[in-house]
Structures are given as structure tokens and as C-alpha cells.
């Protein structure tokens, strides 16, 4: 559903539908996403996400970026830069969770 329609539905439904679609991925998927970000994103943004070929992905570096902007960048990439879009591997829920975690301070990979 397009984001513009989702916003209208959120208003009509008193926000309940929005909250249901913004649920975090299950724990196993969260760990997979942490691994993807630490390994795949880390190859350009630095293994500690403090910058490299790509800019830092720390809470301080992203503080002025709204979640929807980060989600769009994750899914669609950035034209004219090496940043690819990840919509082939991630859905919007995954991208939103990643963006929210980046703004909080991204978790480390849990060791078995």
C-alpha cells in the first residue's frame, strides 16, 4: 500500500493499523538483519559503522535524518554514489527496523 494511503488509514483507524504494520521483525530475522548490516553495509560504512568508503552510520551522524528518509535510502540506494538499493533482500519492515536501530546505536552480532 502506498505510504500516502497508509497515513490516511492510520488517521481513520485511530493509529491502530499503523502500529500493527510497524512491528519489529521476529528475533531470528533481527539477528539476520544485524549480520547483514554489520557485514554487507560494514564493508563500505566500516565494520564499526563509523565510516569508510561510505559515511558513518552512527546515531550522531544520522541525527538529522528522519526514519522515512533512511528507509528510502536503504531500499532504493543513492543515485550517483556506490550505495545500492537493498529492496531485493529487504522489505520495508526490515528497512524501518534497521533505520530505527541505526538511530539508537546499532546492535552487535550475538555470538552463539
Protein backbone atom coordinates (compact mmCIF):
# COMPACT_ATOMS: atom_id res chain seq x y z
CA UNK A 1 0.00 0.00 0.00
CA UNK A 2 1.39 3.43 -0.88
CA UNK A 3 2.61 5.44 2.08
CA UNK A 4 0.11 8.25 1.38
CA UNK A 5 -2.80 5.81 1.68
CA UNK A 6 -1.28 4.26 4.79
CA UNK A 7 -1.26 7.67 6.50
CA UNK A 8 -4.94 8.18 5.70
CA UNK A 9 -5.77 4.73 7.02
CA UNK A 10 -3.80 5.45 10.19
CA UNK A 11 -5.88 8.54 10.81
CA UNK A 12 -9.14 6.73 10.11
CA UNK A 13 -8.23 3.73 12.24
CA UNK A 14 -7.01 5.81 15.15
CA UNK A 15 -3.43 4.69 14.57
CA UNK A 16 -4.02 1.02 15.43
CA UNK A 17 -3.32 -0.21 11.88
CA UNK A 18 -0.10 1.82 11.72
CA UNK A 19 1.19 0.33 14.90
CA UNK A 20 0.41 -3.19 13.68
CA UNK A 21 2.44 -2.68 10.48
CA UNK A 22 5.39 -1.15 12.36
CA UNK A 23 6.03 -4.26 14.46
CA UNK A 24 9.63 -5.34 14.75
CA UNK A 25 10.72 -8.39 12.80
CA UNK A 26 10.91 -11.66 14.76
CA UNK A 27 14.10 -12.16 16.82
CA UNK A 28 15.68 -14.57 14.31
CA UNK A 29 15.12 -12.06 11.49
CA UNK A 30 16.54 -9.26 13.67
CA UNK A 31 19.74 -11.27 14.12
CA UNK A 32 19.91 -11.87 10.36
CA UNK A 33 19.49 -8.13 9.77
CA UNK A 34 22.21 -7.31 12.30
CA UNK A 35 24.52 -9.69 10.45
CA UNK A 36 23.61 -8.15 7.06
CA UNK A 37 24.27 -4.62 8.31
CA UNK A 38 27.49 -5.49 10.14
CA UNK A 39 28.89 -7.48 7.20
CA UNK A 40 27.40 -6.07 3.99
CA UNK A 41 26.88 -2.44 5.00
CA UNK A 42 30.04 -2.56 7.10
CA UNK A 43 32.10 -3.34 4.02
CA UNK A 44 31.55 0.27 2.86
CA UNK A 45 30.50 2.08 6.04
CA UNK A 46 33.18 0.50 8.23
CA UNK A 47 32.84 -2.61 10.34
CA UNK A 48 32.03 -0.40 13.34
CA UNK A 49 29.76 1.73 11.08
CA UNK A 50 31.94 4.78 11.78
CA UNK A 51 32.61 5.45 8.10
CA UNK A 52 34.81 4.18 5.31
CA UNK A 53 34.03 4.40 1.60
CA UNK A 54 30.53 5.38 2.75
CA UNK A 55 29.63 7.82 5.53
CA UNK A 56 29.30 6.92 9.20
CA UNK A 57 26.04 5.29 10.27
CA UNK A 58 26.26 6.31 13.92
CA UNK A 59 23.40 7.95 15.82
CA UNK A 60 25.34 11.21 15.82
CA UNK A 61 25.91 11.14 12.05
CA UNK A 62 22.25 10.29 11.34
CA UNK A 63 20.64 12.51 13.98
CA UNK A 64 19.09 14.92 11.46
CA UNK A 65 17.78 12.18 9.15
CA UNK A 66 14.13 11.12 9.57
CA UNK A 67 13.36 7.40 9.56
CA UNK A 68 11.40 7.55 6.24
CA UNK A 69 14.46 9.10 4.54
CA UNK A 70 16.72 6.37 5.90
CA UNK A 71 14.24 3.68 4.82
CA UNK A 72 14.14 5.12 1.29
CA UNK A 73 17.95 5.19 1.14
CA UNK A 74 18.22 1.60 2.38
CA UNK A 75 15.67 0.31 -0.12
CA UNK A 76 16.44 2.47 -3.15
CA UNK A 77 20.09 3.39 -2.69
CA UNK A 78 21.57 6.79 -3.56
CA UNK A 79 21.86 7.82 -7.18
CA UNK A 80 25.34 8.92 -8.18
CA UNK A 81 27.01 7.06 -5.29
CA UNK A 82 28.15 3.46 -4.74
CA UNK A 83 25.19 2.98 -2.32
CA UNK A 84 22.97 0.25 -3.82
CA UNK A 85 19.31 -0.30 -3.08
CA UNK A 86 18.57 -3.35 -0.95
CA UNK A 87 14.91 -3.88 -1.83
CA UNK A 88 15.80 -7.23 -3.40
CA UNK A 89 16.91 -8.51 0.03
CA UNK A 90 14.93 -6.34 2.45
CA UNK A 91 11.32 -5.30 2.74
CA UNK A 92 10.06 -2.04 4.19
CA UNK A 93 9.62 -3.52 7.68
CA UNK A 94 13.25 -4.70 7.65
CA UNK A 95 14.49 -1.33 6.41
CA UNK A 96 12.45 0.54 9.04
CA UNK A 97 13.82 -1.67 11.83
CA UNK A 98 17.40 -1.13 10.56
CA UNK A 99 16.87 2.65 10.39
CA UNK A 100 15.46 2.75 13.92
CA UNK A 101 18.36 0.68 15.24
CA UNK A 102 20.92 2.88 13.49
CA UNK A 103 19.42 5.93 15.18
CA UNK A 104 19.68 4.20 18.58
CA UNK A 105 23.13 2.70 18.09
CA UNK A 106 23.24 -0.47 16.04
CA UNK A 107 23.46 -3.77 17.98
CA UNK A 108 26.39 -6.13 17.70
CA UNK A 109 26.08 -9.62 16.23
CA UNK A 110 25.20 -12.07 19.00
CA UNK A 111 27.77 -14.82 19.29
CA UNK A 112 26.46 -18.40 19.83
